[in-house]
PDB file of N, CA and C in Angstrom:
ATOM      1  N   MET A   1       0.782  -1.147  -0.082  1.00  0.00           N
ATOM      2  CA  MET A   1      -0.019  -0.072   0.050  1.00  0.00           C
ATOM      3  C   MET A   1       0.824   1.328   0.062  1.00  0.00           C
ATOM      4  N   LEU A   2       2.040   1.257   0.637  1.00  0.00           N
ATOM      5  CA  LEU A   2       2.789   2.513   0.655  1.00  0.00           C
ATOM      6  C   LEU A   2       3.586   2.689  -0.460  1.00  0.00           C
ATOM      7  N   TYR A   3       3.773   1.660  -1.349  1.00  0.00           N
ATOM      8  CA  TYR A   3       4.496   1.827  -2.684  1.00  0.00           C
ATOM      9  C   TYR A   3       3.785   1.408  -3.646  1.00  0.00           C
ATOM     10  N   GLY A   4       2.545   0.930  -3.670  1.00  0.00           N
ATOM     11  CA  GLY A   4       1.811   0.797  -4.817  1.00  0.00           C
ATOM     12  C   GLY A   4       2.169  -0.740  -5.346  1.00  0.00           C
ATOM     13  N   LYS A   5       2.735  -1.460  -4.889  1.00  0.00           N
ATOM     14  CA  LYS A   5       3.036  -2.821  -5.290  1.00  0.00           C
ATOM     15  C   LYS A   5       3.510  -3.883  -4.177  1.00  0.00           C
ATOM     16  N   THR A   6       3.452  -5.176  -4.410  1.00  0.00           N
ATOM     17  CA  THR A   6       3.615  -5.962  -3.360  1.00  0.00           C
ATOM     18  C   THR A   6       5.252  -6.022  -3.130  1.00  0.00           C
ATOM     19  N   PRO A   7       5.656  -6.558  -1.965  1.00  0.00           N
ATOM     20  CA  PRO A   7       7.132  -6.623  -1.652  1.00  0.00           C
ATOM     21  C   PRO A   7       7.792  -7.732  -2.508  1.00  0.00           C
ATOM     22  N   TRP A   8       7.156  -8.655  -2.875  1.00  0.00           N
ATOM     23  CA  TRP A   8       7.838  -9.836  -3.588  1.00  0.00           C
ATOM     24  C   TRP A   8       6.828 -10.242  -4.788  1.00  0.00           C
ATOM     25  N   THR A   9       7.375 -10.420  -5.965  1.00  0.00           N
ATOM     26  CA  THR A   9       6.562 -10.696  -7.042  1.00  0.00           C
ATOM     27  C   THR A   9       6.838 -12.270  -7.696  1.00  0.00           C
ATOM     28  N   ALA A  10       5.884 -12.789  -8.328  1.00  0.00           N
ATOM     29  CA  ALA A  10       6.219 -13.920  -9.201  1.00  0.00           C
ATOM     30  C   ALA A  10       4.803 -14.175  -9.794  1.00  0.00           C
ATOM     31  N   THR A  11       4.965 -14.976 -11.026  1.00  0.00           N
ATOM     32  CA  THR A  11       3.593 -15.525 -11.524  1.00  0.00           C
ATOM     33  C   THR A  11       3.192 -16.895 -11.168  1.00  0.00           C
ATOM     34  N   LYS A  12       3.976 -17.693 -10.393  1.00  0.00           N
ATOM     35  CA  LYS A  12       3.545 -18.990  -9.790  1.00  0.00           C
ATOM     36  C   LYS A  12       3.791 -18.839  -8.318  1.00  0.00           C
ATOM     37  N   LEU A  13       2.826 -19.614  -7.681  1.00  0.00           N
ATOM     38  CA  LEU A  13       2.988 -19.377  -6.164  1.00  0.00           C
ATOM     39  C   LEU A  13       4.415 -20.114  -5.598  1.00  0.00           C
ATOM     40  N   ASP A  14       4.779 -21.130  -6.273  1.00  0.00           N
ATOM     41  CA  ASP A  14       6.000 -21.573  -5.866  1.00  0.00           C
ATOM     42  C   ASP A  14       7.157 -20.743  -6.091  1.00  0.00           C
ATOM     43  N   ASP A  15       7.192 -19.845  -7.084  1.00  0.00           N
ATOM     44  CA  ASP A  15       8.181 -18.943  -7.461  1.00  0.00           C
ATOM     45  C   ASP A  15       8.149 -17.902  -6.384  1.00  0.00           C
ATOM     46  N   LEU A  16       6.740 -17.509  -5.974  1.00  0.00           N
ATOM     47  CA  LEU A  16       6.654 -16.469  -4.953  1.00  0.00           C
ATOM     48  C   LEU A  16       7.206 -16.904  -3.638  1.00  0.00           C
ATOM     49  N   ARG A  17       7.090 -18.166  -3.403  1.00  0.00           N
ATOM     50  CA  ARG A  17       7.716 -18.703  -2.074  1.00  0.00           C
ATOM     51  C   ARG A  17       9.148 -18.548  -2.057  1.00  0.00           C
ATOM     52  N   LYS A  18       9.650 -18.880  -3.226  1.00  0.00           N
ATOM     53  CA  LYS A  18      11.096 -19.030  -3.446  1.00  0.00           C
ATOM     54  C   LYS A  18      11.759 -17.553  -3.433  1.00  0.00           C
ATOM     55  N   ASN A  19      11.058 -16.614  -3.980  1.00  0.00           N
ATOM     56  CA  ASN A  19      11.420 -15.129  -3.928  1.00  0.00           C
ATOM     57  C   ASN A  19      11.482 -14.577  -2.349  1.00  0.00           C
ATOM     58  N   ILE A  20      10.456 -14.925  -1.685  1.00  0.00           N
ATOM     59  CA  ILE A  20      10.198 -14.459  -0.404  1.00  0.00           C
ATOM     60  C   ILE A  20      11.666 -15.075   0.376  1.00  0.00           C
ATOM     61  N   GLU A  21      11.775 -16.330   0.269  1.00  0.00           N
ATOM     62  CA  GLU A  21      12.848 -17.031   0.949  1.00  0.00           C
ATOM     63  C   GLU A  21      14.427 -16.525   0.609  1.00  0.00           C
ATOM     64  N   ALA A  22      14.443 -16.171  -0.539  1.00  0.00           N
ATOM     65  CA  ALA A  22      15.677 -15.743  -1.198  1.00  0.00           C
ATOM     66  C   ALA A  22      16.073 -14.208  -1.120  1.00  0.00           C
ATOM     67  N   ASN A  23      14.959 -13.320  -1.121  1.00  0.00           N
ATOM     68  CA  ASN A  23      15.271 -12.020  -1.425  1.00  0.00           C
ATOM     69  C   ASN A  23      14.937 -11.289   0.016  1.00  0.00           C
ATOM     70  N   ASP A  24      15.674 -10.362   0.266  1.00  0.00           N
ATOM     71  CA  ASP A  24      15.261  -9.363   1.548  1.00  0.00           C
ATOM     72  C   ASP A  24      14.348  -8.418   1.083  1.00  0.00           C
ATOM     73  N   LEU A  25      13.771  -7.954   2.142  1.00  0.00           N
ATOM     74  CA  LEU A  25      12.582  -6.604   1.832  1.00  0.00           C
ATOM     75  C   LEU A  25      13.443  -5.575   1.624  1.00  0.00           C
ATOM     76  N   LEU A  26      13.188  -5.012   0.503  1.00  0.00           N
ATOM     77  CA  LEU A  26      13.726  -3.603   0.061  1.00  0.00           C
ATOM     78  C   LEU A  26      12.627  -2.684  -0.166  1.00  0.00           C
ATOM     79  N   PHE A  27      12.968  -1.270   0.339  1.00  0.00           N
ATOM     80  CA  PHE A  27      12.066  -0.173   0.289  1.00  0.00           C
ATOM     81  C   PHE A  27      12.472   0.453  -0.820  1.00  0.00           C
ATOM     82  N   GLY A  28      11.270   1.033  -1.322  1.00  0.00           N
ATOM     83  CA  GLY A  28      11.289   1.908  -2.696  1.00  0.00           C
ATOM     84  C   GLY A  28      12.193   3.302  -2.300  1.00  0.00           C
ATOM     85  N   VAL A  29      12.175   3.936  -3.459  1.00  0.00           N
ATOM     86  CA  VAL A  29      12.859   5.286  -3.375  1.00  0.00           C
ATOM     87  C   VAL A  29      12.351   6.346  -2.516  1.00  0.00           C
ATOM     88  N   GLN A  30      10.943   6.281  -2.419  1.00  0.00           N
ATOM     89  CA  GLN A  30      10.144   7.291  -1.653  1.00  0.00           C
ATOM     90  C   GLN A  30      10.489   7.074  -0.312  1.00  0.00           C
ATOM     91  N   GLN A  31      10.672   8.388   0.334  1.00  0.00           N
ATOM     92  CA  GLN A  31      11.019   8.340   1.712  1.00  0.00           C
ATOM     93  C   GLN A  31       9.870   8.046   2.581  1.00  0.00           C
ATOM     94  N   ARG A  32      10.274   7.163   3.493  1.00  0.00           N
ATOM     95  CA  ARG A  32       9.477   6.787   4.736  1.00  0.00           C
ATOM     96  C   ARG A  32      10.027   6.935   6.000  1.00  0.00           C
ATOM     97  N   SER A  33       9.400   7.228   7.030  1.00  0.00           N
ATOM     98  CA  SER A  33       9.860   7.313   8.289  1.00  0.00           C
ATOM     99  C   SER A  33      10.574   5.908   8.821  1.00  0.00           C
ATOM    100  N   GLU A  34      11.415   6.211   9.762  1.00  0.00           N
ATOM    101  CA  GLU A  34      12.127   4.940  10.421  1.00  0.00           C
ATOM    102  C   GLU A  34      11.174   4.016  10.859  1.00  0.00           C
ATOM    103  N   HIS A  35      10.134   4.705  11.569  1.00  0.00           N
ATOM    104  CA  HIS A  35       9.096   3.997  12.425  1.00  0.00           C
ATOM    105  C   HIS A  35       8.194   3.141  11.466  1.00  0.00           C
ATOM    106  N   VAL A  36       7.936   3.590  10.175  1.00  0.00           N
ATOM    107  CA  VAL A  36       7.046   2.930   9.077  1.00  0.00           C
ATOM    108  C   VAL A  36       7.875   1.866   8.845  1.00  0.00           C
ATOM    109  N   LYS A  37       9.191   2.042   8.360  1.00  0.00           N
ATOM    110  CA  LYS A  37      10.070   0.837   7.983  1.00  0.00           C
ATOM    111  C   LYS A  37      10.304   0.045   9.039  1.00  0.00           C
ATOM    112  N   ASP A  38      10.459   0.226  10.217  1.00  0.00           N
ATOM    113  CA  ASP A  38      10.592  -0.693  11.425  1.00  0.00           C
ATOM    114  C   ASP A  38       9.326  -1.592  11.432  1.00  0.00           C
ATOM    115  N   LEU A  39       8.170  -0.930  11.448  1.00  0.00           N
ATOM    116  CA  LEU A  39       6.788  -1.799  11.491  1.00  0.00           C
ATOM    117  C   LEU A  39       6.714  -2.627  10.420  1.00  0.00           C
ATOM    118  N   MET A  40       7.009  -2.277   9.175  1.00  0.00           N
ATOM    119  CA  MET A  40       6.826  -3.006   8.110  1.00  0.00           C
ATOM    120  C   MET A  40       7.699  -4.139   8.037  1.00  0.00           C
ATOM    121  N   MET A  41       9.061  -3.924   8.525  1.00  0.00           N
ATOM    122  CA  MET A  41      10.003  -5.043   8.526  1.00  0.00           C
ATOM    123  C   MET A  41       9.606  -6.052   9.488  1.00  0.00           C
ATOM    124  N   ARG A  42       9.085  -5.681  10.585  1.00  0.00           N
ATOM    125  CA  ARG A  42       8.671  -6.645  11.506  1.00  0.00           C
ATOM    126  C   ARG A  42       7.328  -7.351  11.403  1.00  0.00           C
ATOM    127  N   MET A  43       6.458  -6.680  10.638  1.00  0.00           N
ATOM    128  CA  MET A  43       5.183  -7.401  10.218  1.00  0.00           C
ATOM    129  C   MET A  43       5.571  -8.344   8.981  1.00  0.00           C
ATOM    130  N   LEU A  44       6.395  -8.062   8.197  1.00  0.00           N
ATOM    131  CA  LEU A  44       6.822  -9.052   7.103  1.00  0.00           C
ATOM    132  C   LEU A  44       7.967 -10.032   7.288  1.00  0.00           C
ATOM    133  N   GLU A  45       8.314 -10.057   8.656  1.00  0.00           N
ATOM    134  CA  GLU A  45       9.210 -11.303   9.132  1.00  0.00           C
ATOM    135  C   GLU A  45       9.096 -12.385   8.580  1.00  0.00           C
ATOM    136  N   LYS A  46       9.956 -13.012   8.061  1.00  0.00           N
ATOM    137  CA  LYS A  46       9.799 -14.395   7.173  1.00  0.00           C
ATOM    138  C   LYS A  46       9.584 -15.546   8.221  1.00  0.00           C
ATOM    139  N   ASP A  47      10.103 -15.487   9.404  1.00  0.00           N
ATOM    140  CA  ASP A  47       9.731 -16.647  10.424  1.00  0.00           C
ATOM    141  C   ASP A  47       8.794 -16.186  11.198  1.00  0.00           C
ATOM    142  N   PRO A  48       7.701 -16.763  11.403  1.00  0.00           N
ATOM    143  CA  PRO A  48       6.410 -16.376  12.119  1.00  0.00           C
ATOM    144  C   PRO A  48       6.666 -16.362  13.710  1.00  0.00           C
ATOM    145  N   LYS A  49       7.772 -17.099  14.161  1.00  0.00           N
ATOM    146  CA  LYS A  49       8.015 -16.849  15.496  1.00  0.00           C
ATOM    147  C   LYS A  49       8.636 -15.655  15.965  1.00  0.00           C
ATOM    148  N   ASN A  50       9.181 -14.944  14.888  1.00  0.00           N
ATOM    149  CA  ASN A  50      10.018 -13.579  15.209  1.00  0.00           C
ATOM    150  C   ASN A  50       9.114 -12.508  14.851  1.00  0.00           C
ATOM    151  N   ARG A  51       7.867 -12.819  14.160  1.00  0.00           N
ATOM    152  CA  ARG A  51       6.973 -11.574  13.672  1.00  0.00           C
ATOM    153  C   ARG A  51       6.596 -11.084  14.790  1.00  0.00           C
ATOM    154  N   ILE A  52       6.159  -9.577  14.731  1.00  0.00           N
ATOM    155  CA  ILE A  52       5.562  -8.934  15.656  1.00  0.00           C
ATOM    156  C   ILE A  52       4.079  -9.257  15.934  1.00  0.00           C
ATOM    157  N   SER A  53       3.628  -9.293  17.127  1.00  0.00           N
ATOM    158  CA  SER A  53       2.421  -9.713  17.508  1.00  0.00           C
ATOM    159  C   SER A  53       1.336  -8.478  17.241  1.00  0.00           C
ATOM    160  N   TRP A  54       0.213  -8.716  17.494  1.00  0.00           N
ATOM    161  CA  TRP A  54      -1.017  -7.672  17.305  1.00  0.00           C
ATOM    162  C   TRP A  54      -0.784  -6.737  18.427  1.00  0.00           C
ATOM    163  N   LYS A  55      -0.450  -7.215  19.696  1.00  0.00           N
ATOM    164  CA  LYS A  55      -0.332  -6.486  20.812  1.00  0.00           C
ATOM    165  C   LYS A  55       0.939  -5.354  20.508  1.00  0.00           C
ATOM    166  N   GLU A  56       1.920  -5.850  20.022  1.00  0.00           N
ATOM    167  CA  GLU A  56       3.067  -5.099  19.613  1.00  0.00           C
ATOM    168  C   GLU A  56       2.750  -3.877  18.572  1.00  0.00           C
ATOM    169  N   ILE A  57       2.106  -4.461  17.665  1.00  0.00           N
ATOM    170  CA  ILE A  57       1.600  -3.518  16.426  1.00  0.00           C
ATOM    171  C   ILE A  57       0.893  -2.426  17.072  1.00  0.00           C
ATOM    172  N   PHE A  58      -0.094  -2.584  17.872  1.00  0.00           N
ATOM    173  CA  PHE A  58      -0.880  -1.476  18.418  1.00  0.00           C
ATOM    174  C   PHE A  58      -0.187  -0.615  19.411  1.00  0.00           C
ATOM    175  N   ALA A  59       1.023  -1.166  20.118  1.00  0.00           N
ATOM    176  CA  ALA A  59       1.845  -0.417  20.892  1.00  0.00           C
ATOM    177  C   ALA A  59       3.073   0.226  20.169  1.00  0.00           C
ATOM    178  N   HIS A  60       3.178  -0.029  18.785  1.00  0.00           N
ATOM    179  CA  HIS A  60       4.228   0.608  17.970  1.00  0.00           C
ATOM    180  C   HIS A  60       4.031   2.148  17.919  1.00  0.00           C
ATOM    181  N   PRO A  61       5.215   2.709  17.825  1.00  0.00           N
ATOM    182  CA  PRO A  61       5.038   4.326  17.869  1.00  0.00           C
ATOM    183  C   PRO A  61       4.371   4.860  16.544  1.00  0.00           C
ATOM    184  N   ILE A  62       4.478   4.201  15.495  1.00  0.00           N
ATOM    185  CA  ILE A  62       3.836   4.736  14.286  1.00  0.00           C
ATOM    186  C   ILE A  62       2.198   4.630  14.391  1.00  0.00           C
ATOM    187  N   VAL A  63       1.734   3.494  14.972  1.00  0.00           N
ATOM    188  CA  VAL A  63       0.327   3.472  15.185  1.00  0.00           C
ATOM    189  C   VAL A  63      -0.181   4.059  16.308  1.00  0.00           C
ATOM    190  N   ARG A  64       0.490   4.411  17.438  1.00  0.00           N
ATOM    191  CA  ARG A  64       0.174   5.332  18.545  1.00  0.00           C
ATOM    192  C   ARG A  64       0.187   6.807  17.868  1.00  0.00           C
ATOM    193  N   GLU A  65       1.006   7.056  17.091  1.00  0.00           N
ATOM    194  CA  GLU A  65       0.915   8.498  16.611  1.00  0.00           C
ATOM    195  C   GLU A  65      -0.345   8.758  15.962  1.00  0.00           C
TER     196      GLU A  65
END
């Protein structure tokens, strides 16, 4: 939503999975605050065990602003 495209792309589901596993999340050239980038990185964490919780999302500075 922030950049008008999905973070990873592919035409086949298996290729999409491979892209997610192989490529880091990169941000576009548009300027975003460090709080926004932090929240996005934590929400899109590849390992679900390390992903931000709903409670942490609502306590995040960008959401509280």
